[in-house]
Amino acid sequence: MFSGTDKVALALVIIGALNWLLVGVLKFDLVAAIFGGATSILSRIIYTLVGLAGIWTISLFVRPRTENANRS
């Protein structure tokens, strides 16, 4: 169904979505709080990875879906 890369990308997108939920509702950026501010190199790496994961997951919409042969 999903490759390992797909699962990692989806997990990062979910983390990013939850972080944006916190920003929108509570004005709290969890990534920035954990990694030393929004402009720290670690935060920027996390933001970049989440963004790349978002781009990767676009492929889930355009990839042909294959059915598992074991399913009824």
PDB file of N, CA and C in Angstrom:
ATOM      1  N   MET A   1       0.831  -1.186   0.000  1.00  0.00           N
ATOM      2  CA  MET A   1       0.000   0.000   0.000  1.00  0.00           C
ATOM      3  C   MET A   1       0.875   1.250   0.000  1.00  0.00           C
ATOM      4  N   PHE A   2       1.511   1.585   1.120  1.00  0.00           N
ATOM      5  CA  PHE A   2       2.405   2.735   1.189  1.00  0.00           C
ATOM      6  C   PHE A   2       3.825   2.244   1.408  1.00  0.00           C
ATOM      7  N   SER A   3       4.770   2.885   0.740  1.00  0.00           N
ATOM      8  CA  SER A   3       6.176   2.553   0.952  1.00  0.00           C
ATOM      9  C   SER A   3       6.656   3.198   2.251  1.00  0.00           C
ATOM     10  N   GLY A   4       7.855   2.852   2.651  1.00  0.00           N
ATOM     11  CA  GLY A   4       8.435   3.455   3.850  1.00  0.00           C
ATOM     12  C   GLY A   4       8.572   4.963   3.713  1.00  0.00           C
ATOM     13  N   THR A   5       8.971   5.417   2.522  1.00  0.00           N
ATOM     14  CA  THR A   5       9.096   6.848   2.268  1.00  0.00           C
ATOM     15  C   THR A   5       7.741   7.532   2.388  1.00  0.00           C
ATOM     16  N   ASP A   6       6.701   6.895   1.859  1.00  0.00           N
ATOM     17  CA  ASP A   6       5.345   7.455   1.960  1.00  0.00           C
ATOM     18  C   ASP A   6       4.933   7.610   3.420  1.00  0.00           C
ATOM     19  N   LYS A   7       5.222   6.605   4.235  1.00  0.00           N
ATOM     20  CA  LYS A   7       4.835   6.647   5.644  1.00  0.00           C
ATOM     21  C   LYS A   7       5.574   7.737   6.402  1.00  0.00           C
ATOM     22  N   VAL A   8       6.869   7.886   6.128  1.00  0.00           N
ATOM     23  CA  VAL A   8       7.639   8.950   6.776  1.00  0.00           C
ATOM     24  C   VAL A   8       7.107  10.310   6.351  1.00  0.00           C
ATOM     25  N   ALA A   9       6.831  10.465   5.056  1.00  0.00           N
ATOM     26  CA  ALA A   9       6.305  11.731   4.551  1.00  0.00           C
ATOM     27  C   ALA A   9       4.954  12.045   5.178  1.00  0.00           C
ATOM     28  N   LEU A  10       4.087  11.056   5.268  1.00  0.00           N
ATOM     29  CA  LEU A  10       2.776  11.286   5.884  1.00  0.00           C
ATOM     30  C   LEU A  10       2.913  11.651   7.358  1.00  0.00           C
ATOM     31  N   ALA A  11       3.828  11.003   8.061  1.00  0.00           N
ATOM     32  CA  ALA A  11       4.044  11.334   9.474  1.00  0.00           C
ATOM     33  C   ALA A  11       4.527  12.779   9.622  1.00  0.00           C
ATOM     34  N   LEU A  12       5.438  13.206   8.757  1.00  0.00           N
ATOM     35  CA  LEU A  12       5.925  14.582   8.821  1.00  0.00           C
ATOM     36  C   LEU A  12       4.825  15.590   8.480  1.00  0.00           C
ATOM     37  N   VAL A  13       3.988  15.246   7.516  1.00  0.00           N
ATOM     38  CA  VAL A  13       2.875  16.140   7.165  1.00  0.00           C
ATOM     39  C   VAL A  13       1.902  16.250   8.337  1.00  0.00           C
ATOM     40  N   ILE A  14       1.646  15.155   9.016  1.00  0.00           N
ATOM     41  CA  ILE A  14       0.760  15.181  10.185  1.00  0.00           C
ATOM     42  C   ILE A  14       1.375  16.036  11.292  1.00  0.00           C
ATOM     43  N   ILE A  15       2.678  15.878  11.535  1.00  0.00           N
ATOM     44  CA  ILE A  15       3.357  16.701  12.537  1.00  0.00           C
ATOM     45  C   ILE A  15       3.233  18.185  12.175  1.00  0.00           C
ATOM     46  N   GLY A  16       3.455  18.487  10.905  1.00  0.00           N
ATOM     47  CA  GLY A  16       3.334  19.869  10.460  1.00  0.00           C
ATOM     48  C   GLY A  16       1.928  20.406  10.621  1.00  0.00           C
ATOM     49  N   ALA A  17       0.938  19.578  10.297  1.00  0.00           N
ATOM     50  CA  ALA A  17      -0.460  20.005  10.438  1.00  0.00           C
ATOM     51  C   ALA A  17      -0.805  20.265  11.901  1.00  0.00           C
ATOM     52  N   LEU A  18      -0.342  19.393  12.789  1.00  0.00           N
ATOM     53  CA  LEU A  18      -0.609  19.595  14.212  1.00  0.00           C
ATOM     54  C   LEU A  18       0.091  20.851  14.729  1.00  0.00           C
ATOM     55  N   ASN A  19       1.300  21.113  14.232  1.00  0.00           N
ATOM     56  CA  ASN A  19       2.004  22.327  14.629  1.00  0.00           C
ATOM     57  C   ASN A  19       1.230  23.561  14.165  1.00  0.00           C
ATOM     58  N   TRP A  20       0.720  23.529  12.928  1.00  0.00           N
ATOM     59  CA  TRP A  20      -0.068  24.667  12.432  1.00  0.00           C
ATOM     60  C   TRP A  20      -1.371  24.818  13.210  1.00  0.00           C
ATOM     61  N   LEU A  21      -1.945  23.718  13.647  1.00  0.00           N
ATOM     62  CA  LEU A  21      -3.148  23.793  14.491  1.00  0.00           C
ATOM     63  C   LEU A  21      -2.828  24.531  15.784  1.00  0.00           C
ATOM     64  N   LEU A  22      -1.709  24.193  16.395  1.00  0.00           N
ATOM     65  CA  LEU A  22      -1.293  24.881  17.623  1.00  0.00           C
ATOM     66  C   LEU A  22      -1.032  26.365  17.372  1.00  0.00           C
ATOM     67  N   VAL A  23      -0.415  26.678  16.241  1.00  0.00           N
ATOM     68  CA  VAL A  23      -0.154  28.073  15.908  1.00  0.00           C
ATOM     69  C   VAL A  23      -1.469  28.822  15.720  1.00  0.00           C
ATOM     70  N   GLY A  24      -2.399  28.210  15.009  1.00  0.00           N
ATOM     71  CA  GLY A  24      -3.674  28.866  14.725  1.00  0.00           C
ATOM     72  C   GLY A  24      -4.566  29.040  15.938  1.00  0.00           C
ATOM     73  N   VAL A  25      -4.608  28.039  16.788  1.00  0.00           N
ATOM     74  CA  VAL A  25      -5.530  28.063  17.928  1.00  0.00           C
ATOM     75  C   VAL A  25      -4.895  28.706  19.162  1.00  0.00           C
ATOM     76  N   LEU A  26      -3.640  28.374  19.426  1.00  0.00           N
ATOM     77  CA  LEU A  26      -3.004  28.815  20.665  1.00  0.00           C
ATOM     78  C   LEU A  26      -1.856  29.811  20.473  1.00  0.00           C
ATOM     79  N   LYS A  27      -1.552  30.147  19.222  1.00  0.00           N
ATOM     80  CA  LYS A  27      -0.406  31.007  18.919  1.00  0.00           C
ATOM     81  C   LYS A  27       0.879  30.435  19.521  1.00  0.00           C
ATOM     82  N   PHE A  28       1.043  29.111  19.422  1.00  0.00           N
ATOM     83  CA  PHE A  28       2.188  28.418  19.994  1.00  0.00           C
ATOM     84  C   PHE A  28       2.826  27.547  18.922  1.00  0.00           C
ATOM     85  N   ASP A  29       4.073  27.808  18.601  1.00  0.00           N
ATOM     86  CA  ASP A  29       4.813  27.031  17.609  1.00  0.00           C
ATOM     87  C   ASP A  29       5.654  25.994  18.356  1.00  0.00           C
ATOM     88  N   LEU A  30       5.171  24.759  18.372  1.00  0.00           N
ATOM     89  CA  LEU A  30       5.838  23.692  19.118  1.00  0.00           C
ATOM     90  C   LEU A  30       7.231  23.401  18.571  1.00  0.00           C
ATOM     91  N   VAL A  31       7.377  23.409  17.257  1.00  0.00           N
ATOM     92  CA  VAL A  31       8.694  23.156  16.659  1.00  0.00           C
ATOM     93  C   VAL A  31       9.691  24.210  17.132  1.00  0.00           C
ATOM     94  N   ALA A  32       9.291  25.464  17.088  1.00  0.00           N
ATOM     95  CA  ALA A  32      10.178  26.540  17.539  1.00  0.00           C
ATOM     96  C   ALA A  32      10.484  26.410  19.025  1.00  0.00           C
ATOM     97  N   ALA A  33       9.491  26.033  19.815  1.00  0.00           N
ATOM     98  CA  ALA A  33       9.697  25.889  21.250  1.00  0.00           C
ATOM     99  C   ALA A  33      10.680  24.761  21.570  1.00  0.00           C
ATOM    100  N   ILE A  34      10.599  23.673  20.828  1.00  0.00           N
ATOM    101  CA  ILE A  34      11.469  22.526  21.092  1.00  0.00           C
ATOM    102  C   ILE A  34      12.888  22.763  20.582  1.00  0.00           C
ATOM    103  N   PHE A  35      12.995  23.386  19.410  1.00  0.00           N
ATOM    104  CA  PHE A  35      14.294  23.464  18.744  1.00  0.00           C
ATOM    105  C   PHE A  35      14.958  24.843  18.809  1.00  0.00           C
ATOM    106  N   GLY A  36      14.519  25.706  19.708  1.00  0.00           N
ATOM    107  CA  GLY A  36      15.256  26.937  19.962  1.00  0.00           C
ATOM    108  C   GLY A  36      14.856  28.149  19.147  1.00  0.00           C
ATOM    109  N   GLY A  37      13.605  28.268  18.790  1.00  0.00           N
ATOM    110  CA  GLY A  37      13.144  29.439  18.051  1.00  0.00           C
ATOM    111  C   GLY A  37      12.917  29.143  16.589  1.00  0.00           C
ATOM    112  N   ALA A  38      12.065  29.937  15.972  1.00  0.00           N
ATOM    113  CA  ALA A  38      11.675  29.703  14.584  1.00  0.00           C
ATOM    114  C   ALA A  38      12.825  29.894  13.608  1.00  0.00           C
ATOM    115  N   THR A  39      13.841  30.662  13.982  1.00  0.00           N
ATOM    116  CA  THR A  39      14.945  30.907  13.071  1.00  0.00           C
ATOM    117  C   THR A  39      16.179  30.055  13.359  1.00  0.00           C
ATOM    118  N   SER A  40      16.099  29.169  14.367  1.00  0.00           N
ATOM    119  CA  SER A  40      17.250  28.300  14.648  1.00  0.00           C
ATOM    120  C   SER A  40      17.427  27.309  13.502  1.00  0.00           C
ATOM    121  N   ILE A  41      18.635  26.844  13.326  1.00  0.00           N
ATOM    122  CA  ILE A  41      18.926  25.927  12.219  1.00  0.00           C
ATOM    123  C   ILE A  41      18.134  24.634  12.350  1.00  0.00           C
ATOM    124  N   LEU A  42      17.955  24.131  13.572  1.00  0.00           N
ATOM    125  CA  LEU A  42      17.190  22.891  13.752  1.00  0.00           C
ATOM    126  C   LEU A  42      15.723  23.084  13.375  1.00  0.00           C
ATOM    127  N   SER A  43      15.136  24.200  13.774  1.00  0.00           N
ATOM    128  CA  SER A  43      13.745  24.480  13.400  1.00  0.00           C
ATOM    129  C   SER A  43      13.613  24.597  11.894  1.00  0.00           C
ATOM    130  N   ARG A  44      14.560  25.283  11.276  1.00  0.00           N
ATOM    131  CA  ARG A  44      14.507  25.453   9.823  1.00  0.00           C
ATOM    132  C   ARG A  44      14.638  24.120   9.101  1.00  0.00           C
ATOM    133  N   ILE A  45      15.450  23.219   9.642  1.00  0.00           N
ATOM    134  CA  ILE A  45      15.570  21.876   9.054  1.00  0.00           C
ATOM    135  C   ILE A  45      14.236  21.138   9.162  1.00  0.00           C
ATOM    136  N   ILE A  46      13.607  21.193  10.335  1.00  0.00           N
ATOM    137  CA  ILE A  46      12.305  20.534  10.520  1.00  0.00           C
ATOM    138  C   ILE A  46      11.272  21.129   9.577  1.00  0.00           C
ATOM    139  N   TYR A  47      11.204  22.463   9.487  1.00  0.00           N
ATOM    140  CA  TYR A  47      10.249  23.108   8.581  1.00  0.00           C
ATOM    141  C   TYR A  47      10.505  22.686   7.135  1.00  0.00           C
ATOM    142  N   THR A  48      11.759  22.583   6.753  1.00  0.00           N
ATOM    143  CA  THR A  48      12.111  22.168   5.392  1.00  0.00           C
ATOM    144  C   THR A  48      11.699  20.724   5.141  1.00  0.00           C
ATOM    145  N   LEU A  49      11.973  19.847   6.105  1.00  0.00           N
ATOM    146  CA  LEU A  49      11.582  18.441   5.944  1.00  0.00           C
ATOM    147  C   LEU A  49      10.064  18.294   5.844  1.00  0.00           C
ATOM    148  N   VAL A  50       9.320  19.042   6.641  1.00  0.00           N
ATOM    149  CA  VAL A  50       7.860  18.990   6.579  1.00  0.00           C
ATOM    150  C   VAL A  50       7.379  19.489   5.221  1.00  0.00           C
ATOM    151  N   GLY A  51       7.982  20.563   4.727  1.00  0.00           N
ATOM    152  CA  GLY A  51       7.610  21.079   3.411  1.00  0.00           C
ATOM    153  C   GLY A  51       7.909  20.097   2.298  1.00  0.00           C
ATOM    154  N   LEU A  52       9.079  19.470   2.336  1.00  0.00           N
ATOM    155  CA  LEU A  52       9.421  18.456   1.340  1.00  0.00           C
ATOM    156  C   LEU A  52       8.485  17.252   1.424  1.00  0.00           C
ATOM    157  N   ALA A  53       8.108  16.884   2.642  1.00  0.00           N
ATOM    158  CA  ALA A  53       7.162  15.783   2.819  1.00  0.00           C
ATOM    159  C   ALA A  53       5.813  16.142   2.210  1.00  0.00           C
ATOM    160  N   GLY A  54       5.398  17.387   2.355  1.00  0.00           N
ATOM    161  CA  GLY A  54       4.153  17.832   1.741  1.00  0.00           C
ATOM    162  C   GLY A  54       4.197  17.717   0.234  1.00  0.00           C
ATOM    163  N   ILE A  55       5.331  18.106  -0.348  1.00  0.00           N
ATOM    164  CA  ILE A  55       5.489  17.972  -1.802  1.00  0.00           C
ATOM    165  C   ILE A  55       5.463  16.503  -2.198  1.00  0.00           C
ATOM    166  N   TRP A  56       6.136  15.662  -1.424  1.00  0.00           N
ATOM    167  CA  TRP A  56       6.155  14.220  -1.723  1.00  0.00           C
ATOM    168  C   TRP A  56       4.739  13.630  -1.698  1.00  0.00           C
ATOM    169  N   THR A  57       3.936  14.033  -0.718  1.00  0.00           N
ATOM    170  CA  THR A  57       2.601  13.434  -0.591  1.00  0.00           C
ATOM    171  C   THR A  57       1.662  13.854  -1.717  1.00  0.00           C
ATOM    172  N   ILE A  58       2.004  14.896  -2.451  1.00  0.00           N
ATOM    173  CA  ILE A  58       1.210  15.231  -3.643  1.00  0.00           C
ATOM    174  C   ILE A  58       1.190  14.040  -4.595  1.00  0.00           C
ATOM    175  N   SER A  59       2.293  13.291  -4.623  1.00  0.00           N
ATOM    176  CA  SER A  59       2.366  12.134  -5.525  1.00  0.00           C
ATOM    177  C   SER A  59       1.334  11.064  -5.178  1.00  0.00           C
ATOM    178  N   LEU A  60       0.861  11.050  -3.942  1.00  0.00           N
ATOM    179  CA  LEU A  60      -0.150  10.058  -3.567  1.00  0.00           C
ATOM    180  C   LEU A  60      -1.456  10.280  -4.317  1.00  0.00           C
ATOM    181  N   PHE A  61      -1.703  11.515  -4.746  1.00  0.00           N
ATOM    182  CA  PHE A  61      -2.913  11.806  -5.501  1.00  0.00           C
ATOM    183  C   PHE A  61      -2.823  11.374  -6.958  1.00  0.00           C
ATOM    184  N   VAL A  62      -1.647  11.346  -7.510  1.00  0.00           N
ATOM    185  CA  VAL A  62      -1.493  11.065  -8.937  1.00  0.00           C
ATOM    186  C   VAL A  62      -0.960   9.667  -9.234  1.00  0.00           C
ATOM    187  N   ARG A  63      -0.496   8.965  -8.223  1.00  0.00           N
ATOM    188  CA  ARG A  63      -0.009   7.603  -8.427  1.00  0.00           C
ATOM    189  C   ARG A  63      -1.157   6.647  -8.680  1.00  0.00           C
ATOM    190  N   PRO A  64      -0.951   5.697  -9.587  1.00  0.00           N
ATOM    191  CA  PRO A  64      -1.993   4.682  -9.756  1.00  0.00           C
ATOM    192  C   PRO A  64      -2.110   3.833  -8.498  1.00  0.00           C
ATOM    193  N   ARG A  65      -3.311   3.556  -8.137  1.00  0.00           N
ATOM    194  CA  ARG A  65      -3.545   2.765  -6.926  1.00  0.00           C
ATOM    195  C   ARG A  65      -3.551   1.291  -7.292  1.00  0.00           C
ATOM    196  N   THR A  66      -2.780   0.503  -6.556  1.00  0.00           N
ATOM    197  CA  THR A  66      -2.736  -0.938  -6.806  1.00  0.00           C
ATOM    198  C   THR A  66      -3.455  -1.647  -5.679  1.00  0.00           C
ATOM    199  N   GLU A  67      -4.201  -2.629  -6.023  1.00  0.00           N
ATOM    200  CA  GLU A  67      -4.935  -3.432  -5.043  1.00  0.00           C
ATOM    201  C   GLU A  67      -4.067  -4.583  -4.578  1.00  0.00           C
ATOM    202  N   ASN A  68      -4.161  -4.912  -3.320  1.00  0.00           N
ATOM    203  CA  ASN A  68      -3.434  -6.029  -2.741  1.00  0.00           C
ATOM    204  C   ASN A  68      -4.078  -7.323  -3.228  1.00  0.00           C
ATOM    205  N   ALA A  69      -3.282  -8.238  -3.739  1.00  0.00           N
ATOM    206  CA  ALA A  69      -3.802  -9.487  -4.288  1.00  0.00           C
ATOM    207  C   ALA A  69      -4.444 -10.355  -3.207  1.00  0.00           C
ATOM    208  N   ASN A  70      -4.084 -10.181  -1.953  1.00  0.00           N
ATOM    209  CA  ASN A  70      -4.630 -10.995  -0.875  1.00  0.00           C
ATOM    210  C   ASN A  70      -5.991 -10.510  -0.392  1.00  0.00           C
ATOM    211  N   ARG A  71      -6.415  -9.360  -0.815  1.00  0.00           N
ATOM    212  CA  ARG A  71      -7.692  -8.814  -0.356  1.00  0.00           C
ATOM    213  C   ARG A  71      -8.837  -9.428  -1.144  1.00  0.00           C
ATOM    214  N   SER A  72      -9.959  -9.573  -0.504  1.00  0.00           N
ATOM    215  CA  SER A  72     -11.133 -10.139  -1.175  1.00  0.00           C
ATOM    216  C   SER A  72     -11.992  -9.053  -1.764  1.00  0.00           C
TER     217      SER A  72
END
